[in-house]
Amino acid sequence: MRIFPKAALAALLLAAGAAGAAPLAEVTGVDQDDMLKLRSGPGTGYRVVVGLPNGTMVRNHGCDRVGGTPWCKVSLRDVRQLKGYVSGHYLKDQPSR
């Protein structure tokens, strides 16, 4: 069994938590009078959960191509229980913090 000093253990746990977090992305490129539709599934046939305006920050949990469009499973950065799918064409990756 390996024993770590408290400071080293705290640093390891912090690094593990940061590595496990989904990367941030910003909603961008949506027309000024429109919103990006967060859907219940990966495609336009799924119901709209909520509209996201430009500048909304989400966590990107991964993307898959469906019918030629990258659909990304996301959760809102500030309301993590709100999850769904958006077109990846409207997401801009953000530097990790």
C-alpha atoms as a PDB file:
ATOM      1  CA  MET A   1       0.000   0.000   0.000  1.00  0.00           C
ATOM      2  CA  ARG A   2       1.304   3.412  -0.949  1.00  0.00           C
ATOM      3  CA  ILE A   3       0.880   6.359   1.428  1.00  0.00           C
ATOM      4  CA  PHE A   4       0.692   9.903   0.040  1.00  0.00           C
ATOM      5  CA  PRO A   5       1.167  13.159   1.956  1.00  0.00           C
ATOM      6  CA  LYS A   6      -2.105  15.103   2.262  1.00  0.00           C
ATOM      7  CA  ALA A   7      -1.014  17.781  -0.234  1.00  0.00           C
ATOM      8  CA  ALA A   8      -0.017  15.164  -2.835  1.00  0.00           C
ATOM      9  CA  LEU A   9      -3.274  13.275  -2.334  1.00  0.00           C
ATOM     10  CA  ALA A  10      -5.302  16.473  -2.748  1.00  0.00           C
ATOM     11  CA  ALA A  11      -3.432  17.279  -5.972  1.00  0.00           C
ATOM     12  CA  LEU A  12      -4.079  13.766  -7.327  1.00  0.00           C
ATOM     13  CA  LEU A  13      -7.791  13.956  -6.552  1.00  0.00           C
ATOM     14  CA  LEU A  14      -8.066  17.411  -8.099  1.00  0.00           C
ATOM     15  CA  ALA A  15      -6.307  16.248 -11.276  1.00  0.00           C
ATOM     16  CA  ALA A  16      -8.494  13.146 -11.504  1.00  0.00           C
ATOM     17  CA  GLY A  17     -11.649  15.248 -11.138  1.00  0.00           C
ATOM     18  CA  ALA A  18     -10.526  17.722 -13.795  1.00  0.00           C
ATOM     19  CA  ALA A  19      -9.585  14.931 -16.195  1.00  0.00           C
ATOM     20  CA  GLY A  20     -13.009  13.327 -15.775  1.00  0.00           C
ATOM     21  CA  ALA A  21     -15.003  16.495 -16.485  1.00  0.00           C
ATOM     22  CA  ALA A  22     -16.482  16.878 -19.944  1.00  0.00           C
ATOM     23  CA  PRO A  23     -14.927  19.730 -21.927  1.00  0.00           C
ATOM     24  CA  LEU A  24     -16.696  23.080 -22.158  1.00  0.00           C
ATOM     25  CA  ALA A  25     -18.134  24.385 -25.408  1.00  0.00           C
ATOM     26  CA  GLU A  26     -19.925  27.617 -26.302  1.00  0.00           C
ATOM     27  CA  VAL A  27     -23.048  27.863 -28.448  1.00  0.00           C
ATOM     28  CA  THR A  28     -22.161  30.065 -31.427  1.00  0.00           C
ATOM     29  CA  GLY A  29     -23.296  30.772 -34.978  1.00  0.00           C
ATOM     30  CA  VAL A  30     -27.027  30.773 -34.285  1.00  0.00           C
ATOM     31  CA  ASP A  31     -29.000  33.488 -36.075  1.00  0.00           C
ATOM     32  CA  GLN A  32     -29.621  36.519 -33.869  1.00  0.00           C
ATOM     33  CA  ASP A  33     -33.385  35.943 -33.707  1.00  0.00           C
ATOM     34  CA  ASP A  34     -33.123  32.164 -33.195  1.00  0.00           C
ATOM     35  CA  MET A  35     -31.847  29.624 -30.660  1.00  0.00           C
ATOM     36  CA  LEU A  36     -30.043  26.301 -30.872  1.00  0.00           C
ATOM     37  CA  LYS A  37     -32.530  23.565 -30.076  1.00  0.00           C
ATOM     38  CA  LEU A  38     -31.528  21.194 -27.279  1.00  0.00           C
ATOM     39  CA  ARG A  39     -33.329  17.972 -28.208  1.00  0.00           C
ATOM     40  CA  SER A  40     -34.204  14.804 -26.313  1.00  0.00           C
ATOM     41  CA  GLY A  41     -32.324  12.694 -28.875  1.00  0.00           C
ATOM     42  CA  PRO A  42     -29.746  12.974 -31.680  1.00  0.00           C
ATOM     43  CA  GLY A  43     -31.805  14.254 -34.613  1.00  0.00           C
ATOM     44  CA  THR A  44     -34.472  16.729 -35.701  1.00  0.00           C
ATOM     45  CA  GLY A  45     -37.224  14.161 -35.117  1.00  0.00           C
ATOM     46  CA  TYR A  46     -36.774  14.389 -31.348  1.00  0.00           C
ATOM     47  CA  ARG A  47     -38.702  16.841 -29.192  1.00  0.00           C
ATOM     48  CA  VAL A  48     -37.171  20.201 -28.319  1.00  0.00           C
ATOM     49  CA  VAL A  49     -36.292  20.467 -24.623  1.00  0.00           C
ATOM     50  CA  VAL A  50     -35.173  24.117 -24.617  1.00  0.00           C
ATOM     51  CA  GLY A  51     -33.654  26.779 -26.884  1.00  0.00           C
ATOM     52  CA  LEU A  52     -30.060  27.890 -26.254  1.00  0.00           C
ATOM     53  CA  PRO A  53     -28.930  31.374 -27.348  1.00  0.00           C
ATOM     54  CA  ASN A  54     -25.422  32.198 -28.549  1.00  0.00           C
ATOM     55  CA  GLY A  55     -22.986  32.346 -25.644  1.00  0.00           C
ATOM     56  CA  THR A  56     -24.569  29.506 -23.663  1.00  0.00           C
ATOM     57  CA  MET A  57     -21.879  27.331 -22.086  1.00  0.00           C
ATOM     58  CA  VAL A  58     -22.368  23.562 -22.176  1.00  0.00           C
ATOM     59  CA  ARG A  59     -20.343  20.475 -21.310  1.00  0.00           C
ATOM     60  CA  ASN A  60     -19.814  18.268 -24.368  1.00  0.00           C
ATOM     61  CA  HIS A  61     -20.088  14.585 -23.464  1.00  0.00           C
ATOM     62  CA  GLY A  62     -19.292  13.377 -26.983  1.00  0.00           C
ATOM     63  CA  CYS A  63     -20.537  13.560 -30.545  1.00  0.00           C
ATOM     64  CA  ASP A  64     -21.714  10.992 -33.110  1.00  0.00           C
ATOM     65  CA  ARG A  65     -22.651  11.461 -36.762  1.00  0.00           C
ATOM     66  CA  VAL A  66     -26.316  10.896 -37.530  1.00  0.00           C
ATOM     67  CA  GLY A  67     -27.412  11.513 -41.113  1.00  0.00           C
ATOM     68  CA  GLY A  68     -24.290  13.559 -41.876  1.00  0.00           C
ATOM     69  CA  THR A  69     -24.703  15.867 -38.860  1.00  0.00           C
ATOM     70  CA  PRO A  70     -22.550  15.652 -35.733  1.00  0.00           C
ATOM     71  CA  TRP A  71     -25.000  15.380 -32.815  1.00  0.00           C
ATOM     72  CA  CYS A  72     -23.421  16.072 -29.448  1.00  0.00           C
ATOM     73  CA  LYS A  73     -24.714  14.990 -26.059  1.00  0.00           C
ATOM     74  CA  VAL A  74     -24.432  18.041 -23.806  1.00  0.00           C
ATOM     75  CA  SER A  75     -25.403  19.302 -20.388  1.00  0.00           C
ATOM     76  CA  LEU A  76     -25.670  22.934 -19.369  1.00  0.00           C
ATOM     77  CA  ARG A  77     -22.596  24.109 -17.469  1.00  0.00           C
ATOM     78  CA  ASP A  78     -24.641  25.805 -14.753  1.00  0.00           C
ATOM     79  CA  VAL A  79     -27.647  23.417 -14.747  1.00  0.00           C
ATOM     80  CA  ARG A  80     -26.029  20.010 -15.183  1.00  0.00           C
ATOM     81  CA  GLN A  81     -29.262  18.030 -14.828  1.00  0.00           C
ATOM     82  CA  LEU A  82     -30.521  19.676 -18.047  1.00  0.00           C
ATOM     83  CA  LYS A  83     -29.156  17.362 -20.762  1.00  0.00           C
ATOM     84  CA  GLY A  84     -29.854  16.644 -24.384  1.00  0.00           C
ATOM     85  CA  TYR A  85     -28.448  16.727 -27.914  1.00  0.00           C
ATOM     86  CA  VAL A  86     -27.461  19.613 -30.173  1.00  0.00           C
ATOM     87  CA  SER A  87     -25.924  19.920 -33.614  1.00  0.00           C
ATOM     88  CA  GLY A  88     -22.159  20.033 -33.244  1.00  0.00           C
ATOM     89  CA  HIS A  89     -21.992  22.635 -36.011  1.00  0.00           C
ATOM     90  CA  TYR A  90     -22.978  25.253 -33.411  1.00  0.00           C
ATOM     91  CA  LEU A  91     -20.454  24.372 -30.697  1.00  0.00           C
ATOM     92  CA  LYS A  92     -17.080  26.055 -30.257  1.00  0.00           C
ATOM     93  CA  ASP A  93     -14.651  24.230 -27.950  1.00  0.00           C
ATOM     94  CA  GLN A  94     -13.389  26.282 -25.018  1.00  0.00           C
ATOM     95  CA  PRO A  95      -9.982  26.010 -23.353  1.00  0.00           C
ATOM     96  CA  SER A  96     -10.014  23.869 -20.230  1.00  0.00           C
ATOM     97  CA  ARG A  97      -9.851  25.717 -16.929  1.00  0.00           C
END
